[in-house]
Protein backbone atom coordinates (compact mmCIF):
# COMPACT_ATOMS: atom_id res chain seq x y z
CA UNK A 1 0.00 0.00 0.00
CA UNK A 2 2.89 2.27 0.61
CA UNK A 3 4.11 1.82 -2.90
CA UNK A 4 0.75 2.87 -4.11
CA UNK A 5 0.93 6.10 -2.16
CA UNK A 6 4.51 6.74 -3.26
CA UNK A 7 3.61 6.26 -6.92
CA UNK A 8 0.58 8.55 -6.70
CA UNK A 9 0.70 11.50 -9.05
CA UNK A 10 -1.68 14.42 -8.68
CA UNK A 11 -1.33 15.41 -12.34
CA UNK A 12 -2.18 11.95 -13.53
CA UNK A 13 -5.15 11.91 -11.20
CA UNK A 14 -6.49 15.23 -12.50
CA UNK A 15 -5.91 14.15 -16.09
CA UNK A 16 -7.81 10.92 -15.54
CA UNK A 17 -10.64 12.84 -13.82
CA UNK A 18 -10.90 15.26 -16.78
CA UNK A 19 -10.92 12.37 -19.24
CA UNK A 20 -13.64 10.67 -17.18
CA UNK A 21 -15.72 13.87 -17.19
CA UNK A 22 -15.28 14.21 -20.98
CA UNK A 23 -16.29 10.58 -21.49
CA UNK A 24 -19.32 11.11 -19.24
CA UNK A 25 -20.31 14.24 -21.20
CA UNK A 26 -19.84 12.47 -24.54
CA UNK A 27 -21.72 9.49 -23.31
CA UNK A 28 -24.51 11.71 -22.06
CA UNK A 29 -24.73 13.62 -25.31
CA UNK A 30 -24.40 10.68 -27.76
CA UNK A 31 -25.07 7.41 -25.92
CA UNK A 32 -27.27 8.24 -22.95
CA UNK A 33 -30.42 9.15 -24.94
CA UNK A 34 -30.27 6.11 -27.24
CA UNK A 35 -29.68 3.85 -24.22
CA UNK A 36 -32.60 5.46 -22.32
CA UNK A 37 -34.78 5.24 -25.44
CA UNK A 38 -33.88 1.58 -25.84
CA UNK A 39 -34.66 0.99 -22.16
CA UNK A 40 -37.97 2.86 -22.52
CA UNK A 41 -38.84 0.82 -25.62
CA UNK A 42 -37.95 -2.37 -23.81
CA UNK A 43 -40.02 -1.32 -20.79
CA UNK A 44 -42.95 -0.44 -23.10
CA UNK A 45 -42.59 -3.79 -24.91
CA UNK A 46 -42.57 -5.63 -21.59
CA UNK A 47 -45.63 -3.64 -20.41
CA UNK A 48 -47.43 -4.41 -23.68
CA UNK A 49 -46.50 -8.07 -23.38
CA UNK A 50 -47.83 -8.13 -19.79
CA UNK A 51 -51.06 -6.41 -20.94
CA UNK A 52 -51.40 -8.88 -23.80
CA UNK A 53 -50.78 -11.76 -21.42
CA UNK A 54 -53.37 -10.38 -18.99
CA UNK A 55 -55.86 -9.89 -21.84
CA UNK A 56 -55.19 -13.41 -23.08
CA UNK A 57 -55.67 -14.70 -19.55
CA UNK A 58 -58.99 -12.84 -19.23
CA UNK A 59 -60.07 -14.03 -22.67
CA UNK A 60 -59.15 -17.59 -21.72
CA UNK A 61 -61.17 -17.29 -18.51
CA UNK A 62 -64.11 -15.93 -20.51
CA UNK A 63 -63.80 -18.80 -22.96
CA UNK A 64 -63.65 -21.31 -20.12
CA UNK A 65 -66.70 -19.69 -18.51
CA UNK A 66 -68.52 -19.80 -21.88
CA UNK A 67 -67.48 -23.44 -22.33
CA UNK A 68 -68.75 -24.29 -18.85
CA UNK A 69 -72.02 -22.46 -19.54
CA UNK A 70 -72.43 -24.22 -22.89
CA UNK A 71 -71.61 -27.54 -21.27
CA UNK A 72 -74.22 -26.95 -18.57
CA UNK A 73 -76.78 -25.94 -21.19
CA UNK A 74 -75.98 -29.03 -23.25
CA UNK A 75 -76.33 -31.25 -20.19
CA UNK A 76 -79.63 -29.61 -19.25
CA UNK A 77 -80.88 -30.00 -22.82
CA UNK A 78 -79.78 -33.65 -22.88
CA UNK A 79 -81.58 -34.28 -19.58
CA UNK A 80 -84.69 -32.57 -20.94
CA UNK A 81 -84.57 -34.68 -24.10
CA UNK A 82 -84.11 -37.86 -22.05
CA UNK A 83 -87.02 -36.87 -19.82
CA UNK A 84 -89.20 -36.21 -22.85
CA UNK A 85 -88.17 -39.55 -24.35
CA UNK A 86 -89.02 -41.35 -21.10
CA UNK A 87 -92.38 -39.57 -20.90
CA UNK A 88 -93.10 -40.41 -24.54
CA UNK A 89 -92.13 -44.06 -23.95
CA UNK A 90 -94.40 -44.26 -20.90
CA UNK A 91 -97.27 -42.63 -22.83
CA UNK A 92 -96.82 -45.03 -25.76
CA UNK A 93 -96.76 -48.01 -23.38
CA UNK A 94 -99.84 -46.71 -21.55
CA UNK A 95 -101.66 -46.12 -24.84
CA UNK A 96 -100.71 -49.59 -26.04
CA UNK A 97 -101.96 -51.13 -22.79
CA UNK A 98 -105.22 -49.20 -23.01
CA UNK A 99 -105.69 -50.19 -26.64
CA UNK A 100 -104.86 -53.82 -25.84
CA UNK A 101 -107.36 -53.79 -22.96
CA UNK A 102 -110.03 -52.23 -25.19
CA UNK A 103 -109.36 -54.77 -27.93
CA UNK A 104 -109.38 -57.63 -25.43
CA UNK A 105 -112.66 -56.34 -23.97
CA UNK A 106 -114.21 -56.14 -27.43
CA UNK A 107 -112.98 -59.66 -28.28
CA UNK A 108 -114.35 -61.00 -24.98
CA UNK A 109 -117.70 -59.25 -25.58
CA UNK A 110 -117.84 -60.62 -29.12
CA UNK A 111 -116.95 -64.10 -27.87
CA UNK A 112 -119.60 -63.91 -25.16
CA UNK A 113 -122.18 -62.68 -27.66
CA UNK A 114 -121.22 -65.47 -30.05
CA UNK A 115 -121.37 -68.05 -27.26
CA UNK A 116 -124.76 -66.70 -26.13
CA UNK A 117 -126.19 -66.78 -29.66
CA UNK A 118 -124.87 -70.31 -30.22
CA UNK A 119 -126.25 -71.33 -26.83
CA UNK A 120 -129.67 -69.92 -27.76
CA UNK A 121 -129.52 -71.62 -31.12
CA UNK A 122 -128.54 -74.91 -29.45
CA UNK A 123 -131.35 -74.54 -26.89
CA UNK A 124 -133.86 -73.74 -29.65
CA UNK A 125 -132.66 -76.75 -31.65
CA UNK A 126 -132.83 -78.93 -28.55
CA UNK A 127 -136.36 -77.69 -27.80
CA UNK A 128 -137.36 -78.35 -31.37
CA UNK A 129 -135.93 -81.87 -31.22
CA UNK A 130 -137.57 -82.48 -27.83
CA UNK A 131 -140.90 -81.16 -29.17
CA UNK A 132 -140.63 -83.36 -32.27
CA UNK A 133 -139.64 -86.35 -30.17
CA UNK A 134 -142.48 -85.64 -27.72
CA UNK A 135 -144.97 -85.40 -30.59
CA UNK A 136 -143.75 -88.66 -32.05
CA UNK A 137 -143.97 -90.37 -28.66
CA UNK A 138 -147.42 -88.86 -27.99
CA UNK A 139 -148.58 -89.92 -31.44
CA UNK A 140 -147.39 -93.48 -30.88
CA UNK A 141 -148.94 -93.57 -27.42
CA UNK A 142 -152.24 -92.15 -28.67
CA UNK A 143 -152.34 -94.60 -31.58
CA UNK A 144 -151.68 -97.44 -29.24
CA UNK A 145 -154.21 -96.17 -26.72
CA UNK A 146 -156.86 -95.29 -29.27
CA UNK A 147 -156.59 -98.47 -31.31
CA UNK A 148 -159.02 -100.17 -28.97
CA UNK A 149 -162.52 -98.72 -28.22
CA UNK A 150 -162.49 -99.77 -24.56
CA UNK A 151 -159.16 -98.13 -24.03
CA UNK A 152 -160.44 -94.93 -25.65
CA UNK A 153 -163.35 -94.76 -23.26
CA UNK A 154 -161.16 -95.50 -20.30
CA UNK A 155 -158.72 -92.73 -21.36
CA UNK A 156 -161.51 -90.17 -21.74
CA UNK A 157 -162.86 -91.03 -18.32
CA UNK A 158 -159.43 -90.81 -16.74
CA UNK A 159 -158.88 -87.44 -18.33
CA UNK A 160 -162.23 -86.16 -17.20
CA UNK A 161 -161.51 -87.41 -13.71
CA UNK A 162 -158.22 -85.61 -13.64
CA UNK A 163 -159.79 -82.40 -14.92
CA UNK A 164 -162.45 -82.42 -12.33
CA UNK A 165 -159.89 -82.97 -9.57
CA UNK A 166 -157.76 -80.04 -10.61
C-alpha atoms as a PDB file:
ATOM      1  CA  UNK A   1       0.000   0.000   0.000  1.00  0.00           C
ATOM      2  CA  UNK A   2       2.893   2.267   0.606  1.00  0.00           C
ATOM      3  CA  UNK A   3       4.111   1.822  -2.895  1.00  0.00           C
ATOM      4  CA  UNK A   4       0.747   2.870  -4.106  1.00  0.00           C
ATOM      5  CA  UNK A   5       0.930   6.096  -2.157  1.00  0.00           C
ATOM      6  CA  UNK A   6       4.511   6.738  -3.264  1.00  0.00           C
ATOM      7  CA  UNK A   7       3.614   6.261  -6.916  1.00  0.00           C
ATOM      8  CA  UNK A   8       0.575   8.547  -6.695  1.00  0.00           C
ATOM      9  CA  UNK A   9       0.701  11.496  -9.053  1.00  0.00           C
ATOM     10  CA  UNK A  10      -1.675  14.420  -8.684  1.00  0.00           C
ATOM     11  CA  UNK A  11      -1.332  15.411 -12.341  1.00  0.00           C
ATOM     12  CA  UNK A  12      -2.181  11.951 -13.534  1.00  0.00           C
ATOM     13  CA  UNK A  13      -5.155  11.908 -11.199  1.00  0.00           C
ATOM     14  CA  UNK A  14      -6.491  15.226 -12.501  1.00  0.00           C
ATOM     15  CA  UNK A  15      -5.912  14.150 -16.087  1.00  0.00           C
ATOM     16  CA  UNK A  16      -7.810  10.924 -15.537  1.00  0.00           C
ATOM     17  CA  UNK A  17     -10.639  12.844 -13.817  1.00  0.00           C
ATOM     18  CA  UNK A  18     -10.900  15.260 -16.777  1.00  0.00           C
ATOM     19  CA  UNK A  19     -10.917  12.372 -19.244  1.00  0.00           C
ATOM     20  CA  UNK A  20     -13.638  10.674 -17.180  1.00  0.00           C
ATOM     21  CA  UNK A  21     -15.720  13.869 -17.187  1.00  0.00           C
ATOM     22  CA  UNK A  22     -15.276  14.208 -20.980  1.00  0.00           C
ATOM     23  CA  UNK A  23     -16.286  10.576 -21.487  1.00  0.00           C
ATOM     24  CA  UNK A  24     -19.319  11.108 -19.238  1.00  0.00           C
ATOM     25  CA  UNK A  25     -20.310  14.240 -21.197  1.00  0.00           C
ATOM     26  CA  UNK A  26     -19.841  12.474 -24.540  1.00  0.00           C
ATOM     27  CA  UNK A  27     -21.725   9.487 -23.310  1.00  0.00           C
ATOM     28  CA  UNK A  28     -24.508  11.707 -22.056  1.00  0.00           C
ATOM     29  CA  UNK A  29     -24.730  13.616 -25.312  1.00  0.00           C
ATOM     30  CA  UNK A  30     -24.401  10.675 -27.761  1.00  0.00           C
ATOM     31  CA  UNK A  31     -25.074   7.406 -25.918  1.00  0.00           C
ATOM     32  CA  UNK A  32     -27.269   8.241 -22.948  1.00  0.00           C
ATOM     33  CA  UNK A  33     -30.420   9.148 -24.938  1.00  0.00           C
ATOM     34  CA  UNK A  34     -30.266   6.105 -27.238  1.00  0.00           C
ATOM     35  CA  UNK A  35     -29.676   3.851 -24.222  1.00  0.00           C
ATOM     36  CA  UNK A  36     -32.599   5.458 -22.319  1.00  0.00           C
ATOM     37  CA  UNK A  37     -34.780   5.242 -25.436  1.00  0.00           C
ATOM     38  CA  UNK A  38     -33.876   1.581 -25.842  1.00  0.00           C
ATOM     39  CA  UNK A  39     -34.662   0.987 -22.158  1.00  0.00           C
ATOM     40  CA  UNK A  40     -37.971   2.861 -22.518  1.00  0.00           C
ATOM     41  CA  UNK A  41     -38.838   0.824 -25.618  1.00  0.00           C
ATOM     42  CA  UNK A  42     -37.953  -2.365 -23.814  1.00  0.00           C
ATOM     43  CA  UNK A  43     -40.024  -1.320 -20.789  1.00  0.00           C
ATOM     44  CA  UNK A  44     -42.951  -0.443 -23.096  1.00  0.00           C
ATOM     45  CA  UNK A  45     -42.587  -3.789 -24.908  1.00  0.00           C
ATOM     46  CA  UNK A  46     -42.571  -5.632 -21.589  1.00  0.00           C
ATOM     47  CA  UNK A  47     -45.626  -3.639 -20.408  1.00  0.00           C
ATOM     48  CA  UNK A  48     -47.427  -4.412 -23.680  1.00  0.00           C
ATOM     49  CA  UNK A  49     -46.497  -8.070 -23.380  1.00  0.00           C
ATOM     50  CA  UNK A  50     -47.834  -8.128 -19.794  1.00  0.00           C
ATOM     51  CA  UNK A  51     -51.062  -6.410 -20.935  1.00  0.00           C
ATOM     52  CA  UNK A  52     -51.398  -8.879 -23.802  1.00  0.00           C
ATOM     53  CA  UNK A  53     -50.781 -11.763 -21.424  1.00  0.00           C
ATOM     54  CA  UNK A  54     -53.366 -10.380 -18.989  1.00  0.00           C
ATOM     55  CA  UNK A  55     -55.864  -9.889 -21.839  1.00  0.00           C
ATOM     56  CA  UNK A  56     -55.186 -13.410 -23.084  1.00  0.00           C
ATOM     57  CA  UNK A  57     -55.666 -14.705 -19.555  1.00  0.00           C
ATOM     58  CA  UNK A  58     -58.987 -12.841 -19.234  1.00  0.00           C
ATOM     59  CA  UNK A  59     -60.073 -14.031 -22.665  1.00  0.00           C
ATOM     60  CA  UNK A  60     -59.145 -17.593 -21.715  1.00  0.00           C
ATOM     61  CA  UNK A  61     -61.166 -17.287 -18.506  1.00  0.00           C
ATOM     62  CA  UNK A  62     -64.114 -15.929 -20.506  1.00  0.00           C
ATOM     63  CA  UNK A  63     -63.803 -18.801 -22.964  1.00  0.00           C
ATOM     64  CA  UNK A  64     -63.654 -21.306 -20.123  1.00  0.00           C
ATOM     65  CA  UNK A  65     -66.701 -19.694 -18.513  1.00  0.00           C
ATOM     66  CA  UNK A  66     -68.520 -19.802 -21.879  1.00  0.00           C
ATOM     67  CA  UNK A  67     -67.481 -23.436 -22.329  1.00  0.00           C
ATOM     68  CA  UNK A  68     -68.748 -24.289 -18.853  1.00  0.00           C
ATOM     69  CA  UNK A  69     -72.017 -22.458 -19.537  1.00  0.00           C
ATOM     70  CA  UNK A  70     -72.435 -24.219 -22.895  1.00  0.00           C
ATOM     71  CA  UNK A  71     -71.613 -27.544 -21.275  1.00  0.00           C
ATOM     72  CA  UNK A  72     -74.224 -26.954 -18.572  1.00  0.00           C
ATOM     73  CA  UNK A  73     -76.785 -25.938 -21.191  1.00  0.00           C
ATOM     74  CA  UNK A  74     -75.984 -29.032 -23.252  1.00  0.00           C
ATOM     75  CA  UNK A  75     -76.328 -31.247 -20.190  1.00  0.00           C
ATOM     76  CA  UNK A  76     -79.632 -29.611 -19.250  1.00  0.00           C
ATOM     77  CA  UNK A  77     -80.876 -30.004 -22.822  1.00  0.00           C
ATOM     78  CA  UNK A  78     -79.779 -33.650 -22.878  1.00  0.00           C
ATOM     79  CA  UNK A  79     -81.580 -34.278 -19.577  1.00  0.00           C
ATOM     80  CA  UNK A  80     -84.692 -32.566 -20.937  1.00  0.00           C
ATOM     81  CA  UNK A  81     -84.565 -34.683 -24.097  1.00  0.00           C
ATOM     82  CA  UNK A  82     -84.112 -37.863 -22.051  1.00  0.00           C
ATOM     83  CA  UNK A  83     -87.025 -36.869 -19.818  1.00  0.00           C
ATOM     84  CA  UNK A  84     -89.204 -36.207 -22.855  1.00  0.00           C
ATOM     85  CA  UNK A  85     -88.169 -39.547 -24.352  1.00  0.00           C
ATOM     86  CA  UNK A  86     -89.019 -41.354 -21.097  1.00  0.00           C
ATOM     87  CA  UNK A  87     -92.384 -39.573 -20.905  1.00  0.00           C
ATOM     88  CA  UNK A  88     -93.103 -40.415 -24.536  1.00  0.00           C
ATOM     89  CA  UNK A  89     -92.126 -44.058 -23.949  1.00  0.00           C
ATOM     90  CA  UNK A  90     -94.404 -44.261 -20.896  1.00  0.00           C
ATOM     91  CA  UNK A  91     -97.265 -42.626 -22.835  1.00  0.00           C
ATOM     92  CA  UNK A  92     -96.822 -45.031 -25.759  1.00  0.00           C
ATOM     93  CA  UNK A  93     -96.757 -48.006 -23.381  1.00  0.00           C
ATOM     94  CA  UNK A  94     -99.836 -46.710 -21.546  1.00  0.00           C
ATOM     95  CA  UNK A  95    -101.661 -46.121 -24.841  1.00  0.00           C
ATOM     96  CA  UNK A  96    -100.711 -49.594 -26.040  1.00  0.00           C
ATOM     97  CA  UNK A  97    -101.955 -51.125 -22.785  1.00  0.00           C
ATOM     98  CA  UNK A  98    -105.219 -49.199 -23.014  1.00  0.00           C
ATOM     99  CA  UNK A  99    -105.693 -50.189 -26.641  1.00  0.00           C
ATOM    100  CA  UNK A 100    -104.865 -53.824 -25.841  1.00  0.00           C
ATOM    101  CA  UNK A 101    -107.358 -53.795 -22.957  1.00  0.00           C
ATOM    102  CA  UNK A 102    -110.030 -52.231 -25.192  1.00  0.00           C
ATOM    103  CA  UNK A 103    -109.358 -54.770 -27.932  1.00  0.00           C
ATOM    104  CA  UNK A 104    -109.380 -57.627 -25.434  1.00  0.00           C
ATOM    105  CA  UNK A 105    -112.656 -56.341 -23.966  1.00  0.00           C
ATOM    106  CA  UNK A 106    -114.209 -56.142 -27.434  1.00  0.00           C
ATOM    107  CA  UNK A 107    -112.983 -59.659 -28.280  1.00  0.00           C
ATOM    108  CA  UNK A 108    -114.353 -60.997 -24.985  1.00  0.00           C
ATOM    109  CA  UNK A 109    -117.697 -59.252 -25.584  1.00  0.00           C
ATOM    110  CA  UNK A 110    -117.843 -60.623 -29.125  1.00  0.00           C
ATOM    111  CA  UNK A 111    -116.946 -64.102 -27.874  1.00  0.00           C
ATOM    112  CA  UNK A 112    -119.600 -63.906 -25.157  1.00  0.00           C
ATOM    113  CA  UNK A 113    -122.183 -62.684 -27.662  1.00  0.00           C
ATOM    114  CA  UNK A 114    -121.216 -65.466 -30.050  1.00  0.00           C
ATOM    115  CA  UNK A 115    -121.369 -68.048 -27.258  1.00  0.00           C
ATOM    116  CA  UNK A 116    -124.755 -66.696 -26.134  1.00  0.00           C
ATOM    117  CA  UNK A 117    -126.190 -66.776 -29.655  1.00  0.00           C
ATOM    118  CA  UNK A 118    -124.869 -70.314 -30.217  1.00  0.00           C
ATOM    119  CA  UNK A 119    -126.254 -71.326 -26.833  1.00  0.00           C
ATOM    120  CA  UNK A 120    -129.675 -69.919 -27.757  1.00  0.00           C
ATOM    121  CA  UNK A 121    -129.517 -71.622 -31.124  1.00  0.00           C
ATOM    122  CA  UNK A 122    -128.543 -74.911 -29.450  1.00  0.00           C
ATOM    123  CA  UNK A 123    -131.354 -74.544 -26.891  1.00  0.00           C
ATOM    124  CA  UNK A 124    -133.864 -73.739 -29.649  1.00  0.00           C
ATOM    125  CA  UNK A 125    -132.664 -76.748 -31.650  1.00  0.00           C
ATOM    126  CA  UNK A 126    -132.826 -78.932 -28.550  1.00  0.00           C
ATOM    127  CA  UNK A 127    -136.362 -77.686 -27.803  1.00  0.00           C
ATOM    128  CA  UNK A 128    -137.355 -78.349 -31.372  1.00  0.00           C
ATOM    129  CA  UNK A 129    -135.929 -81.867 -31.217  1.00  0.00           C
ATOM    130  CA  UNK A 130    -137.570 -82.477 -27.828  1.00  0.00           C
ATOM    131  CA  UNK A 131    -140.897 -81.164 -29.170  1.00  0.00           C
ATOM    132  CA  UNK A 132    -140.631 -83.359 -32.271  1.00  0.00           C
ATOM    133  CA  UNK A 133    -139.641 -86.354 -30.172  1.00  0.00           C
ATOM    134  CA  UNK A 134    -142.475 -85.636 -27.724  1.00  0.00           C
ATOM    135  CA  UNK A 135    -144.968 -85.395 -30.587  1.00  0.00           C
ATOM    136  CA  UNK A 136    -143.746 -88.660 -32.051  1.00  0.00           C
ATOM    137  CA  UNK A 137    -143.965 -90.370 -28.658  1.00  0.00           C
ATOM    138  CA  UNK A 138    -147.416 -88.859 -27.988  1.00  0.00           C
ATOM    139  CA  UNK A 139    -148.576 -89.916 -31.438  1.00  0.00           C
ATOM    140  CA  UNK A 140    -147.393 -93.482 -30.879  1.00  0.00           C
ATOM    141  CA  UNK A 141    -148.942 -93.569 -27.416  1.00  0.00           C
ATOM    142  CA  UNK A 142    -152.236 -92.148 -28.670  1.00  0.00           C
ATOM    143  CA  UNK A 143    -152.337 -94.604 -31.581  1.00  0.00           C
ATOM    144  CA  UNK A 144    -151.682 -97.441 -29.237  1.00  0.00           C
ATOM    145  CA  UNK A 145    -154.210 -96.170 -26.721  1.00  0.00           C
ATOM    146  CA  UNK A 146    -156.862 -95.287 -29.269  1.00  0.00           C
ATOM    147  CA  UNK A 147    -156.592 -98.471 -31.312  1.00  0.00           C
ATOM    148  CA  UNK A 148    -159.018-100.173 -28.971  1.00  0.00           C
ATOM    149  CA  UNK A 149    -162.524 -98.716 -28.224  1.00  0.00           C
ATOM    150  CA  UNK A 150    -162.491 -99.768 -24.562  1.00  0.00           C
ATOM    151  CA  UNK A 151    -159.161 -98.131 -24.032  1.00  0.00           C
ATOM    152  CA  UNK A 152    -160.439 -94.932 -25.655  1.00  0.00           C
ATOM    153  CA  UNK A 153    -163.349 -94.763 -23.258  1.00  0.00           C
ATOM    154  CA  UNK A 154    -161.164 -95.498 -20.298  1.00  0.00           C
ATOM    155  CA  UNK A 155    -158.716 -92.729 -21.363  1.00  0.00           C
ATOM    156  CA  UNK A 156    -161.506 -90.174 -21.736  1.00  0.00           C
ATOM    157  CA  UNK A 157    -162.864 -91.025 -18.316  1.00  0.00           C
ATOM    158  CA  UNK A 158    -159.427 -90.807 -16.740  1.00  0.00           C
ATOM    159  CA  UNK A 159    -158.875 -87.441 -18.330  1.00  0.00           C
ATOM    160  CA  UNK A 160    -162.233 -86.163 -17.197  1.00  0.00           C
ATOM    161  CA  UNK A 161    -161.505 -87.405 -13.713  1.00  0.00           C
ATOM    162  CA  UNK A 162    -158.216 -85.611 -13.640  1.00  0.00           C
ATOM    163  CA  UNK A 163    -159.786 -82.402 -14.924  1.00  0.00           C
ATOM    164  CA  UNK A 164    -162.446 -82.424 -12.325  1.00  0.00           C
ATOM    165  CA  UNK A 165    -159.886 -82.970  -9.571  1.00  0.00           C
ATOM    166  CA  UNK A 166    -157.761 -80.038 -10.609  1.00  0.00           C
END
